[in-house]
Amino acid sequence: MGMNFSHLRPLAAALALTGAICVAGAGAHAQQSADVSISVKDHQFDPAEVHAPANKALSIAVKNLDKTVMEFESGALRVEKVIPAGGTGVVHVRPLPPGRYEFFDDFHRKTRGHLIVP
């Protein structure tokens, strides 16, 4: 005699719906992120001031055009990343409230810039 699992159909439907909602939520979160690109040449950020929207996750792509390694760092943003000479690195930043956030090259402390979140 075969087993009857018809009583599990409502549970299976609920699990499928929950999975669909989670996938849709992940897509919505991805759409709420922003991307910013900066470069470093002659130990200067270009641009030295970048803008990003408030309350959105942020990815900052940093291209090191110098012939020496650099470390993109910011205490305010809670990030640090070593980027080799001629390389690119990406740092991910949590959603931020409006403000002005400083970043710098930890190996060349005079190399500084700001992220402006209006």
PDB file of N, CA and C in Angstrom:
ATOM      1  N   MET A   1       0.819  -1.177   0.000  1.00  0.00           N
ATOM      2  CA  MET A   1       0.000   0.000   0.000  1.00  0.00           C
ATOM      3  C   MET A   1       0.868   1.247   0.000  1.00  0.00           C
ATOM      4  N   GLY A   2       0.548   2.229  -0.830  1.00  0.00           N
ATOM      5  CA  GLY A   2       1.290   3.481  -0.896  1.00  0.00           C
ATOM      6  C   GLY A   2       0.900   4.418   0.235  1.00  0.00           C
ATOM      7  N   MET A   3       1.811   5.300   0.569  1.00  0.00           N
ATOM      8  CA  MET A   3       1.529   6.261   1.638  1.00  0.00           C
ATOM      9  C   MET A   3       0.891   7.500   1.032  1.00  0.00           C
ATOM     10  N   ASN A   4      -0.017   8.101   1.764  1.00  0.00           N
ATOM     11  CA  ASN A   4      -0.720   9.298   1.303  1.00  0.00           C
ATOM     12  C   ASN A   4      -0.106  10.520   2.000  1.00  0.00           C
ATOM     13  N   PHE A   5       0.518  11.380   1.213  1.00  0.00           N
ATOM     14  CA  PHE A   5       1.157  12.576   1.763  1.00  0.00           C
ATOM     15  C   PHE A   5       0.367  13.842   1.442  1.00  0.00           C
ATOM     16  N   SER A   6      -0.908  13.690   1.153  1.00  0.00           N
ATOM     17  CA  SER A   6      -1.708  14.853   0.766  1.00  0.00           C
ATOM     18  C   SER A   6      -1.777  15.896   1.878  1.00  0.00           C
ATOM     19  N   HIS A   7      -1.619  15.465   3.120  1.00  0.00           N
ATOM     20  CA  HIS A   7      -1.664  16.416   4.237  1.00  0.00           C
ATOM     21  C   HIS A   7      -0.438  17.341   4.248  1.00  0.00           C
ATOM     22  N   LEU A   8       0.601  16.997   3.490  1.00  0.00           N
ATOM     23  CA  LEU A   8       1.808  17.828   3.432  1.00  0.00           C
ATOM     24  C   LEU A   8       1.753  18.881   2.335  1.00  0.00           C
ATOM     25  N   ARG A   9       0.763  18.835   1.460  1.00  0.00           N
ATOM     26  CA  ARG A   9       0.673  19.814   0.367  1.00  0.00           C
ATOM     27  C   ARG A   9       0.605  21.258   0.847  1.00  0.00           C
ATOM     28  N   PRO A  10      -0.213  21.575   1.849  1.00  0.00           N
ATOM     29  CA  PRO A  10      -0.227  22.980   2.317  1.00  0.00           C
ATOM     30  C   PRO A  10       1.138  23.433   2.845  1.00  0.00           C
ATOM     31  N   LEU A  11       1.857  22.548   3.517  1.00  0.00           N
ATOM     32  CA  LEU A  11       3.190  22.891   4.018  1.00  0.00           C
ATOM     33  C   LEU A  11       4.153  23.137   2.858  1.00  0.00           C
ATOM     34  N   ALA A  12       4.098  22.280   1.851  1.00  0.00           N
ATOM     35  CA  ALA A  12       4.968  22.451   0.681  1.00  0.00           C
ATOM     36  C   ALA A  12       4.663  23.774  -0.016  1.00  0.00           C
ATOM     37  N   ALA A  13       3.399  24.115  -0.136  1.00  0.00           N
ATOM     38  CA  ALA A  13       3.020  25.383  -0.775  1.00  0.00           C
ATOM     39  C   ALA A  13       3.526  26.571   0.041  1.00  0.00           C
ATOM     40  N   ALA A  14       3.404  26.484   1.364  1.00  0.00           N
ATOM     41  CA  ALA A  14       3.876  27.574   2.227  1.00  0.00           C
ATOM     42  C   ALA A  14       5.390  27.729   2.117  1.00  0.00           C
ATOM     43  N   LEU A  15       6.125  26.623   2.075  1.00  0.00           N
ATOM     44  CA  LEU A  15       7.581  26.690   1.937  1.00  0.00           C
ATOM     45  C   LEU A  15       7.979  27.281   0.591  1.00  0.00           C
ATOM     46  N   ALA A  16       7.278  26.921  -0.470  1.00  0.00           N
ATOM     47  CA  ALA A  16       7.581  27.478  -1.792  1.00  0.00           C
ATOM     48  C   ALA A  16       7.334  28.977  -1.809  1.00  0.00           C
ATOM     49  N   LEU A  17       6.252  29.421  -1.193  1.00  0.00           N
ATOM     50  CA  LEU A  17       5.938  30.853  -1.132  1.00  0.00           C
ATOM     51  C   LEU A  17       6.992  31.597  -0.319  1.00  0.00           C
ATOM     52  N   THR A  18       7.401  31.007   0.805  1.00  0.00           N
ATOM     53  CA  THR A  18       8.441  31.632   1.627  1.00  0.00           C
ATOM     54  C   THR A  18       9.740  31.770   0.835  1.00  0.00           C
ATOM     55  N   GLY A  19      10.119  30.753   0.084  1.00  0.00           N
ATOM     56  CA  GLY A  19      11.330  30.808  -0.739  1.00  0.00           C
ATOM     57  C   GLY A  19      11.229  31.897  -1.787  1.00  0.00           C
ATOM     58  N   ALA A  20      10.068  32.030  -2.424  1.00  0.00           N
ATOM     59  CA  ALA A  20       9.877  33.062  -3.447  1.00  0.00           C
ATOM     60  C   ALA A  20       9.992  34.457  -2.832  1.00  0.00           C
ATOM     61  N   ILE A  21       9.448  34.625  -1.641  1.00  0.00           N
ATOM     62  CA  ILE A  21       9.522  35.930  -0.970  1.00  0.00           C
ATOM     63  C   ILE A  21      10.972  36.252  -0.624  1.00  0.00           C
ATOM     64  N   CYS A  22      11.732  35.254  -0.150  1.00  0.00           N
ATOM     65  CA  CYS A  22      13.148  35.477   0.189  1.00  0.00           C
ATOM     66  C   CYS A  22      13.959  35.859  -1.039  1.00  0.00           C
ATOM     67  N   VAL A  23      13.709  35.193  -2.158  1.00  0.00           N
ATOM     68  CA  VAL A  23      14.431  35.512  -3.393  1.00  0.00           C
ATOM     69  C   VAL A  23      14.072  36.922  -3.853  1.00  0.00           C
ATOM     70  N   ALA A  24      12.798  37.272  -3.804  1.00  0.00           N
ATOM     71  CA  ALA A  24      12.373  38.619  -4.203  1.00  0.00           C
ATOM     72  C   ALA A  24      12.988  39.665  -3.276  1.00  0.00           C
ATOM     73  N   GLY A  25      13.044  39.376  -1.991  1.00  0.00           N
ATOM     74  CA  GLY A  25      13.639  40.308  -1.036  1.00  0.00           C
ATOM     75  C   GLY A  25      15.114  40.515  -1.298  1.00  0.00           C
ATOM     76  N   ALA A  26      15.823  39.434  -1.648  1.00  0.00           N
ATOM     77  CA  ALA A  26      17.251  39.556  -1.951  1.00  0.00           C
ATOM     78  C   ALA A  26      17.451  40.417  -3.187  1.00  0.00           C
ATOM     79  N   GLY A  27      16.605  40.277  -4.187  1.00  0.00           N
ATOM     80  CA  GLY A  27      16.703  41.101  -5.391  1.00  0.00           C
ATOM     81  C   GLY A  27      16.446  42.560  -5.079  1.00  0.00           C
ATOM     82  N   ALA A  28      15.489  42.817  -4.229  1.00  0.00           N
ATOM     83  CA  ALA A  28      15.187  44.205  -3.856  1.00  0.00           C
ATOM     84  C   ALA A  28      16.361  44.808  -3.104  1.00  0.00           C
ATOM     85  N   HIS A  29      17.005  44.017  -2.237  1.00  0.00           N
ATOM     86  CA  HIS A  29      18.156  44.527  -1.494  1.00  0.00           C
ATOM     87  C   HIS A  29      19.300  44.865  -2.452  1.00  0.00           C
ATOM     88  N   ALA A  30      19.528  44.008  -3.436  1.00  0.00           N
ATOM     89  CA  ALA A  30      20.608  44.255  -4.394  1.00  0.00           C
ATOM     90  C   ALA A  30      20.355  45.541  -5.172  1.00  0.00           C
ATOM     91  N   GLN A  31      19.091  45.828  -5.461  1.00  0.00           N
ATOM     92  CA  GLN A  31      18.764  47.036  -6.204  1.00  0.00           C
ATOM     93  C   GLN A  31      18.955  48.286  -5.352  1.00  0.00           C
ATOM     94  N   GLN A  32      19.013  48.120  -4.040  1.00  0.00           N
ATOM     95  CA  GLN A  32      19.140  49.258  -3.153  1.00  0.00           C
ATOM     96  C   GLN A  32      20.592  49.609  -2.858  1.00  0.00           C
ATOM     97  N   SER A  33      21.537  49.004  -3.546  1.00  0.00           N
ATOM     98  CA  SER A  33      22.940  49.330  -3.322  1.00  0.00           C
ATOM     99  C   SER A  33      23.405  50.351  -4.363  1.00  0.00           C
ATOM    100  N   ALA A  34      24.524  50.985  -4.066  1.00  0.00           N
ATOM    101  CA  ALA A  34      25.087  51.983  -4.972  1.00  0.00           C
ATOM    102  C   ALA A  34      26.559  51.660  -5.201  1.00  0.00           C
ATOM    103  N   ASP A  35      27.083  52.091  -6.348  1.00  0.00           N
ATOM    104  CA  ASP A  35      28.480  51.868  -6.700  1.00  0.00           C
ATOM    105  C   ASP A  35      29.187  53.203  -6.890  1.00  0.00           C
ATOM    106  N   VAL A  36      30.410  53.269  -6.385  1.00  0.00           N
ATOM    107  CA  VAL A  36      31.252  54.453  -6.527  1.00  0.00           C
ATOM    108  C   VAL A  36      32.626  53.981  -6.986  1.00  0.00           C
ATOM    109  N   SER A  37      33.248  54.725  -7.886  1.00  0.00           N
ATOM    110  CA  SER A  37      34.594  54.387  -8.356  1.00  0.00           C
ATOM    111  C   SER A  37      35.520  55.575  -8.139  1.00  0.00           C
ATOM    112  N   ILE A  38      36.706  55.272  -7.623  1.00  0.00           N
ATOM    113  CA  ILE A  38      37.743  56.294  -7.480  1.00  0.00           C
ATOM    114  C   ILE A  38      39.074  55.664  -7.899  1.00  0.00           C
ATOM    115  N   SER A  39      40.037  56.519  -8.173  1.00  0.00           N
ATOM    116  CA  SER A  39      41.374  56.033  -8.494  1.00  0.00           C
ATOM    117  C   SER A  39      42.383  56.797  -7.645  1.00  0.00           C
ATOM    118  N   VAL A  40      43.585  56.240  -7.592  1.00  0.00           N
ATOM    119  CA  VAL A  40      44.686  56.876  -6.881  1.00  0.00           C
ATOM    120  C   VAL A  40      45.844  56.973  -7.860  1.00  0.00           C
ATOM    121  N   LYS A  41      46.335  58.199  -8.062  1.00  0.00           N
ATOM    122  CA  LYS A  41      47.496  58.421  -8.930  1.00  0.00           C
ATOM    123  C   LYS A  41      48.341  59.513  -8.293  1.00  0.00           C
ATOM    124  N   ASP A  42      49.635  59.281  -8.257  1.00  0.00           N
ATOM    125  CA  ASP A  42      50.566  60.218  -7.614  1.00  0.00           C
ATOM    126  C   ASP A  42      50.129  60.508  -6.172  1.00  0.00           C
ATOM    127  N   HIS A  43      49.633  59.460  -5.514  1.00  0.00           N
ATOM    128  CA  HIS A  43      49.187  59.530  -4.121  1.00  0.00           C
ATOM    129  C   HIS A  43      48.085  60.568  -3.902  1.00  0.00           C
ATOM    130  N   GLN A  44      47.189  60.684  -4.886  1.00  0.00           N
ATOM    131  CA  GLN A  44      46.028  61.572  -4.774  1.00  0.00           C
ATOM    132  C   GLN A  44      44.784  60.807  -5.226  1.00  0.00           C
ATOM    133  N   PHE A  45      43.700  60.956  -4.488  1.00  0.00           N
ATOM    134  CA  PHE A  45      42.438  60.340  -4.903  1.00  0.00           C
ATOM    135  C   PHE A  45      41.811  61.178  -6.011  1.00  0.00           C
ATOM    136  N   ASP A  46      41.223  60.493  -6.975  1.00  0.00           N
ATOM    137  CA  ASP A  46      40.515  61.174  -8.058  1.00  0.00           C
ATOM    138  C   ASP A  46      39.201  60.455  -8.316  1.00  0.00           C
ATOM    139  N   PRO A  47      38.087  61.077  -8.002  1.00  0.00           N
ATOM    140  CA  PRO A  47      37.951  62.382  -7.341  1.00  0.00           C
ATOM    141  C   PRO A  47      38.254  62.267  -5.845  1.00  0.00           C
ATOM    142  N   ALA A  48      38.631  63.374  -5.260  1.00  0.00           N
ATOM    143  CA  ALA A  48      38.934  63.406  -3.830  1.00  0.00           C
ATOM    144  C   ALA A  48      37.659  63.479  -2.998  1.00  0.00           C
ATOM    145  N   GLU A  49      36.554  63.791  -3.651  1.00  0.00           N
ATOM    146  CA  GLU A  49      35.268  63.854  -2.965  1.00  0.00           C
ATOM    147  C   GLU A  49      34.239  63.120  -3.829  1.00  0.00           C
ATOM    148  N   VAL A  50      33.638  62.091  -3.266  1.00  0.00           N
ATOM    149  CA  VAL A  50      32.625  61.320  -3.986  1.00  0.00           C
ATOM    150  C   VAL A  50      31.313  61.388  -3.218  1.00  0.00           C
ATOM    151  N   HIS A  51      30.237  61.190  -3.949  1.00  0.00           N
ATOM    152  CA  HIS A  51      28.897  61.266  -3.356  1.00  0.00           C
ATOM    153  C   HIS A  51      28.194  59.928  -3.507  1.00  0.00           C
ATOM    154  N   ALA A  52      27.393  59.599  -2.502  1.00  0.00           N
ATOM    155  CA  ALA A  52      26.610  58.366  -2.525  1.00  0.00           C
ATOM    156  C   ALA A  52      25.297  58.623  -1.803  1.00  0.00           C
ATOM    157  N   PRO A  53      24.249  57.895  -2.176  1.00  0.00           N
ATOM    158  CA  PRO A  53      22.947  58.098  -1.533  1.00  0.00           C
ATOM    159  C   PRO A  53      22.938  57.572  -0.097  1.00  0.00           C
ATOM    160  N   ALA A  54      22.104  58.194   0.705  1.00  0.00           N
ATOM    161  CA  ALA A  54      21.951  57.776   2.099  1.00  0.00           C
ATOM    162  C   ALA A  54      21.171  56.469   2.182  1.00  0.00           C
ATOM    163  N   ASN A  55      21.458  55.728   3.229  1.00  0.00           N
ATOM    164  CA  ASN A  55      20.707  54.526   3.595  1.00  0.00           C
ATOM    165  C   ASN A  55      20.702  53.433   2.535  1.00  0.00           C
ATOM    166  N   LYS A  56      21.783  53.361   1.748  1.00  0.00           N
ATOM    167  CA  LYS A  56      21.949  52.292   0.770  1.00  0.00           C
ATOM    168  C   LYS A  56      23.325  51.674   0.944  1.00  0.00           C
ATOM    169  N   ALA A  57      23.397  50.364   0.825  1.00  0.00           N
ATOM    170  CA  ALA A  57      24.693  49.700   0.856  1.00  0.00           C
ATOM    171  C   ALA A  57      25.527  50.249  -0.295  1.00  0.00           C
ATOM    172  N   LEU A  58      26.826  50.247  -0.123  1.00  0.00           N
ATOM    173  CA  LEU A  58      27.705  50.902  -1.077  1.00  0.00           C
ATOM    174  C   LEU A  58      28.908  50.018  -1.391  1.00  0.00           C
ATOM    175  N   SER A  59      29.264  49.962  -2.654  1.00  0.00           N
ATOM    176  CA  SER A  59      30.503  49.312  -3.080  1.00  0.00           C
ATOM    177  C   SER A  59      31.407  50.405  -3.643  1.00  0.00           C
ATOM    178  N   ILE A  60      32.623  50.482  -3.108  1.00  0.00           N
ATOM    179  CA  ILE A  60      33.591  51.467  -3.581  1.00  0.00           C
ATOM    180  C   ILE A  60      34.712  50.722  -4.298  1.00  0.00           C
ATOM    181  N   ALA A  61      34.829  50.946  -5.604  1.00  0.00           N
ATOM    182  CA  ALA A  61      35.918  50.362  -6.386  1.00  0.00           C
ATOM    183  C   ALA A  61      37.078  51.354  -6.385  1.00  0.00           C
ATOM    184  N   VAL A  62      38.234  50.898  -5.945  1.00  0.00           N
ATOM    185  CA  VAL A  62      39.410  51.755  -5.848  1.00  0.00           C
ATOM    186  C   VAL A  62      40.482  51.200  -6.784  1.00  0.00           C
ATOM    187  N   LYS A  63      40.852  51.998  -7.783  1.00  0.00           N
ATOM    188  CA  LYS A  63      41.889  51.590  -8.736  1.00  0.00           C
ATOM    189  C   LYS A  63      43.182  52.298  -8.369  1.00  0.00           C
ATOM    190  N   ASN A  64      44.221  51.525  -8.110  1.00  0.00           N
ATOM    191  CA  ASN A  64      45.522  52.072  -7.738  1.00  0.00           C
ATOM    192  C   ASN A  64      46.375  52.204  -8.999  1.00  0.00           C
ATOM    193  N   LEU A  65      46.540  53.421  -9.489  1.00  0.00           N
ATOM    194  CA  LEU A  65      47.333  53.682 -10.688  1.00  0.00           C
ATOM    195  C   LEU A  65      48.801  53.963 -10.371  1.00  0.00           C
ATOM    196  N   ASP A  66      49.132  53.968  -9.081  1.00  0.00           N
ATOM    197  CA  ASP A  66      50.513  54.207  -8.670  1.00  0.00           C
ATOM    198  C   ASP A  66      51.352  52.930  -8.786  1.00  0.00           C
ATOM    199  N   LYS A  67      52.663  53.108  -8.675  1.00  0.00           N
ATOM    200  CA  LYS A  67      53.588  51.971  -8.767  1.00  0.00           C
ATOM    201  C   LYS A  67      53.937  51.398  -7.400  1.00  0.00           C
ATOM    202  N   THR A  68      53.208  51.851  -6.374  1.00  0.00           N
ATOM    203  CA  THR A  68      53.408  51.335  -5.021  1.00  0.00           C
ATOM    204  C   THR A  68      52.069  50.874  -4.462  1.00  0.00           C
ATOM    205  N   VAL A  69      52.144  49.948  -3.531  1.00  0.00           N
ATOM    206  CA  VAL A  69      50.943  49.438  -2.883  1.00  0.00           C
ATOM    207  C   VAL A  69      50.299  50.543  -2.043  1.00  0.00           C
ATOM    208  N   MET A  70      48.984  50.477  -1.876  1.00  0.00           N
ATOM    209  CA  MET A  70      48.285  51.436  -1.015  1.00  0.00           C
ATOM    210  C   MET A  70      47.273  50.687  -0.169  1.00  0.00           C
ATOM    211  N   GLU A  71      46.849  51.321   0.919  1.00  0.00           N
ATOM    212  CA  GLU A  71      45.806  50.731   1.758  1.00  0.00           C
ATOM    213  C   GLU A  71      44.676  51.735   1.909  1.00  0.00           C
ATOM    214  N   PHE A  72      43.541  51.430   1.270  1.00  0.00           N
ATOM    215  CA  PHE A  72      42.350  52.260   1.403  1.00  0.00           C
ATOM    216  C   PHE A  72      41.781  51.984   2.778  1.00  0.00           C
ATOM    217  N   GLU A  73      41.638  53.046   3.572  1.00  0.00           N
ATOM    218  CA  GLU A  73      41.177  52.860   4.941  1.00  0.00           C
ATOM    219  C   GLU A  73      40.268  53.995   5.373  1.00  0.00           C
ATOM    220  N   SER A  74      39.327  53.650   6.255  1.00  0.00           N
ATOM    221  CA  SER A  74      38.455  54.650   6.858  1.00  0.00           C
ATOM    222  C   SER A  74      37.891  54.088   8.154  1.00  0.00           C
ATOM    223  N   GLY A  75      38.187  54.780   9.240  1.00  0.00           N
ATOM    224  CA  GLY A  75      37.596  54.402  10.521  1.00  0.00           C
ATOM    225  C   GLY A  75      36.097  54.667  10.525  1.00  0.00           C
ATOM    226  N   ALA A  76      35.703  55.783   9.933  1.00  0.00           N
ATOM    227  CA  ALA A  76      34.287  56.162   9.898  1.00  0.00           C
ATOM    228  C   ALA A  76      33.453  55.164   9.084  1.00  0.00           C
ATOM    229  N   LEU A  77      34.049  54.636   8.013  1.00  0.00           N
ATOM    230  CA  LEU A  77      33.341  53.678   7.162  1.00  0.00           C
ATOM    231  C   LEU A  77      33.554  52.242   7.627  1.00  0.00           C
ATOM    232  N   ARG A  78      34.505  52.050   8.544  1.00  0.00           N
ATOM    233  CA  ARG A  78      34.862  50.726   9.060  1.00  0.00           C
ATOM    234  C   ARG A  78      35.352  49.797   7.948  1.00  0.00           C
ATOM    235  N   VAL A  79      36.270  50.299   7.126  1.00  0.00           N
ATOM    236  CA  VAL A  79      36.840  49.497   6.047  1.00  0.00           C
ATOM    237  C   VAL A  79      38.342  49.712   5.968  1.00  0.00           C
ATOM    238  N   GLU A  80      39.033  48.702   5.479  1.00  0.00           N
ATOM    239  CA  GLU A  80      40.430  48.820   5.094  1.00  0.00           C
ATOM    240  C   GLU A  80      40.729  47.709   4.097  1.00  0.00           C
ATOM    241  N   LYS A  81      41.496  48.063   3.076  1.00  0.00           N
ATOM    242  CA  LYS A  81      41.813  47.098   2.027  1.00  0.00           C
ATOM    243  C   LYS A  81      43.134  47.479   1.386  1.00  0.00           C
ATOM    244  N   VAL A  82      44.053  46.526   1.356  1.00  0.00           N
ATOM    245  CA  VAL A  82      45.333  46.722   0.683  1.00  0.00           C
ATOM    246  C   VAL A  82      45.111  46.490  -0.809  1.00  0.00           C
ATOM    247  N   ILE A  83      45.601  47.435  -1.620  1.00  0.00           N
ATOM    248  CA  ILE A  83      45.433  47.351  -3.072  1.00  0.00           C
ATOM    249  C   ILE A  83      46.819  47.422  -3.704  1.00  0.00           C
ATOM    250  N   PRO A  84      47.193  46.387  -4.445  1.00  0.00           N
ATOM    251  CA  PRO A  84      48.538  46.363  -5.031  1.00  0.00           C
ATOM    252  C   PRO A  84      48.714  47.433  -6.102  1.00  0.00           C
ATOM    253  N   ALA A  85      49.953  47.736  -6.400  1.00  0.00           N
ATOM    254  CA  ALA A  85      50.276  48.682  -7.475  1.00  0.00           C
ATOM    255  C   ALA A  85      49.630  48.195  -8.769  1.00  0.00           C
ATOM    256  N   GLY A  86      48.920  49.091  -9.447  1.00  0.00           N
ATOM    257  CA  GLY A  86      48.259  48.743 -10.703  1.00  0.00           C
ATOM    258  C   GLY A  86      47.016  47.894 -10.535  1.00  0.00           C
ATOM    259  N   GLY A  87      46.590  47.653  -9.316  1.00  0.00           N
ATOM    260  CA  GLY A  87      45.438  46.786  -9.060  1.00  0.00           C
ATOM    261  C   GLY A  87      44.178  47.551  -8.696  1.00  0.00           C
ATOM    262  N   THR A  88      43.105  46.803  -8.567  1.00  0.00           N
ATOM    263  CA  THR A  88      41.815  47.362  -8.163  1.00  0.00           C
ATOM    264  C   THR A  88      41.271  46.550  -6.999  1.00  0.00           C
ATOM    265  N   GLY A  89      40.681  47.241  -6.060  1.00  0.00           N
ATOM    266  CA  GLY A  89      40.037  46.578  -4.928  1.00  0.00           C
ATOM    267  C   GLY A  89      38.659  47.159  -4.729  1.00  0.00           C
ATOM    268  N   VAL A  90      37.780  46.362  -4.161  1.00  0.00           N
ATOM    269  CA  VAL A  90      36.421  46.811  -3.877  1.00  0.00           C
ATOM    270  C   VAL A  90      36.165  46.651  -2.389  1.00  0.00           C
ATOM    271  N   VAL A  91      35.668  47.724  -1.781  1.00  0.00           N
ATOM    272  CA  VAL A  91      35.260  47.659  -0.380  1.00  0.00           C
ATOM    273  C   VAL A  91      33.755  47.839  -0.319  1.00  0.00           C
ATOM    274  N   HIS A  92      33.146  47.098   0.598  1.00  0.00           N
ATOM    275  CA  HIS A  92      31.695  47.149   0.757  1.00  0.00           C
ATOM    276  C   HIS A  92      31.374  47.881   2.054  1.00  0.00           C
ATOM    277  N   VAL A  93      30.476  48.834   1.953  1.00  0.00           N
ATOM    278  CA  VAL A  93      30.141  49.701   3.078  1.00  0.00           C
ATOM    279  C   VAL A  93      28.662  49.530   3.406  1.00  0.00           C
ATOM    280  N   ARG A  94      28.386  49.467   4.683  1.00  0.00           N
ATOM    281  CA  ARG A  94      26.997  49.352   5.158  1.00  0.00           C
ATOM    282  C   ARG A  94      26.198  50.588   4.770  1.00  0.00           C
ATOM    283  N   PRO A  95      24.881  50.532   4.782  1.00  0.00           N
ATOM    284  CA  PRO A  95      24.085  51.741   4.538  1.00  0.00           C
ATOM    285  C   PRO A  95      24.450  52.824   5.559  1.00  0.00           C
ATOM    286  N   LEU A  96      24.597  54.047   5.066  1.00  0.00           N
ATOM    287  CA  LEU A  96      25.067  55.152   5.906  1.00  0.00           C
ATOM    288  C   LEU A  96      24.017  56.255   6.025  1.00  0.00           C
ATOM    289  N   PRO A  97      23.946  56.867   7.185  1.00  0.00           N
ATOM    290  CA  PRO A  97      23.118  58.065   7.309  1.00  0.00           C
ATOM    291  C   PRO A  97      23.844  59.241   6.660  1.00  0.00           C
ATOM    292  N   PRO A  98      23.147  60.337   6.411  1.00  0.00           N
ATOM    293  CA  PRO A  98      23.806  61.514   5.840  1.00  0.00           C
ATOM    294  C   PRO A  98      25.000  61.937   6.692  1.00  0.00           C
ATOM    295  N   GLY A  99      26.047  62.374   5.995  1.00  0.00           N
ATOM    296  CA  GLY A  99      27.244  62.819   6.699  1.00  0.00           C
ATOM    297  C   GLY A  99      28.431  62.922   5.766  1.00  0.00           C
ATOM    298  N   ARG A 100      29.562  63.256   6.345  1.00  0.00           N
ATOM    299  CA  ARG A 100      30.829  63.384   5.603  1.00  0.00           C
ATOM    300  C   ARG A 100      31.792  62.371   6.225  1.00  0.00           C
ATOM    301  N   TYR A 101      32.307  61.467   5.406  1.00  0.00           N
ATOM    302  CA  TYR A 101      33.128  60.365   5.878  1.00  0.00           C
ATOM    303  C   TYR A 101      34.510  60.433   5.223  1.00  0.00           C
ATOM    304  N   GLU A 102      35.541  60.528   6.042  1.00  0.00           N
ATOM    305  CA  GLU A 102      36.896  60.624   5.507  1.00  0.00           C
ATOM    306  C   GLU A 102      37.453  59.231   5.216  1.00  0.00           C
ATOM    307  N   PHE A 103      38.243  59.138   4.134  1.00  0.00           N
ATOM    308  CA  PHE A 103      39.015  57.938   3.837  1.00  0.00           C
ATOM    309  C   PHE A 103      40.430  58.380   3.479  1.00  0.00           C
ATOM    310  N   PHE A 104      41.391  57.439   3.539  1.00  0.00           N
ATOM    311  CA  PHE A 104      42.786  57.797   3.301  1.00  0.00           C
ATOM    312  C   PHE A 104      43.572  56.567   2.897  1.00  0.00           C
ATOM    313  N   ASP A 105      44.805  56.798   2.457  1.00  0.00           N
ATOM    314  CA  ASP A 105      45.750  55.734   2.161  1.00  0.00           C
ATOM    315  C   ASP A 105      46.597  55.577   3.420  1.00  0.00           C
ATOM    316  N   ASP A 106      46.464  54.460   4.087  1.00  0.00           N
ATOM    317  CA  ASP A 106      47.163  54.269   5.353  1.00  0.00           C
ATOM    318  C   ASP A 106      48.680  54.231   5.182  1.00  0.00           C
ATOM    319  N   PHE A 107      49.175  53.913   3.986  1.00  0.00           N
ATOM    320  CA  PHE A 107      50.613  53.892   3.744  1.00  0.00           C
ATOM    321  C   PHE A 107      51.152  55.272   3.358  1.00  0.00           C
ATOM    322  N   HIS A 108      50.288  56.165   2.970  1.00  0.00           N
ATOM    323  CA  HIS A 108      50.653  57.542   2.592  1.00  0.00           C
ATOM    324  C   HIS A 108      49.587  58.450   3.199  1.00  0.00           C
ATOM    325  N   ARG A 109      49.751  58.777   4.460  1.00  0.00           N
ATOM    326  CA  ARG A 109      48.710  59.426   5.256  1.00  0.00           C
ATOM    327  C   ARG A 109      48.233  60.778   4.723  1.00  0.00           C
ATOM    328  N   LYS A 110      48.999  61.426   3.860  1.00  0.00           N
ATOM    329  CA  LYS A 110      48.555  62.711   3.301  1.00  0.00           C
ATOM    330  C   LYS A 110      47.540  62.513   2.177  1.00  0.00           C
ATOM    331  N   THR A 111      47.396  61.279   1.703  1.00  0.00           N
ATOM    332  CA  THR A 111      46.443  60.972   0.638  1.00  0.00           C
ATOM    333  C   THR A 111      45.077  60.777   1.285  1.00  0.00           C
ATOM    334  N   ARG A 112      44.209  61.785   1.139  1.00  0.00           N
ATOM    335  CA  ARG A 112      42.913  61.774   1.825  1.00  0.00           C
ATOM    336  C   ARG A 112      41.787  62.169   0.881  1.00  0.00           C
ATOM    337  N   GLY A 113      40.610  61.682   1.200  1.00  0.00           N
ATOM    338  CA  GLY A 113      39.406  62.033   0.441  1.00  0.00           C
ATOM    339  C   GLY A 113      38.194  61.932   1.344  1.00  0.00           C
ATOM    340  N   HIS A 114      37.026  62.241   0.774  1.00  0.00           N
ATOM    341  CA  HIS A 114      35.786  62.224   1.536  1.00  0.00           C
ATOM    342  C   HIS A 114      34.641  61.617   0.738  1.00  0.00           C
ATOM    343  N   LEU A 115      33.816  60.895   1.446  1.00  0.00           N
ATOM    344  CA  LEU A 115      32.556  60.399   0.913  1.00  0.00           C
ATOM    345  C   LEU A 115      31.469  61.286   1.491  1.00  0.00           C
ATOM    346  N   ILE A 116      30.692  61.895   0.617  1.00  0.00           N
ATOM    347  CA  ILE A 116      29.602  62.768   1.042  1.00  0.00           C
ATOM    348  C   ILE A 116      28.289  62.031   0.839  1.00  0.00           C
ATOM    349  N   VAL A 117      27.518  61.913   1.914  1.00  0.00           N
ATOM    350  CA  VAL A 117      26.204  61.283   1.854  1.00  0.00           C
ATOM    351  C   VAL A 117      25.185  62.351   2.218  1.00  0.00           C
ATOM    352  N   PRO A 118      24.471  62.872   1.213  1.00  0.00           N
ATOM    353  CA  PRO A 118      23.522  63.970   1.492  1.00  0.00           C
ATOM    354  C   PRO A 118      22.266  63.501   2.227  1.00  0.00           C
TER     355      PRO A 118
END
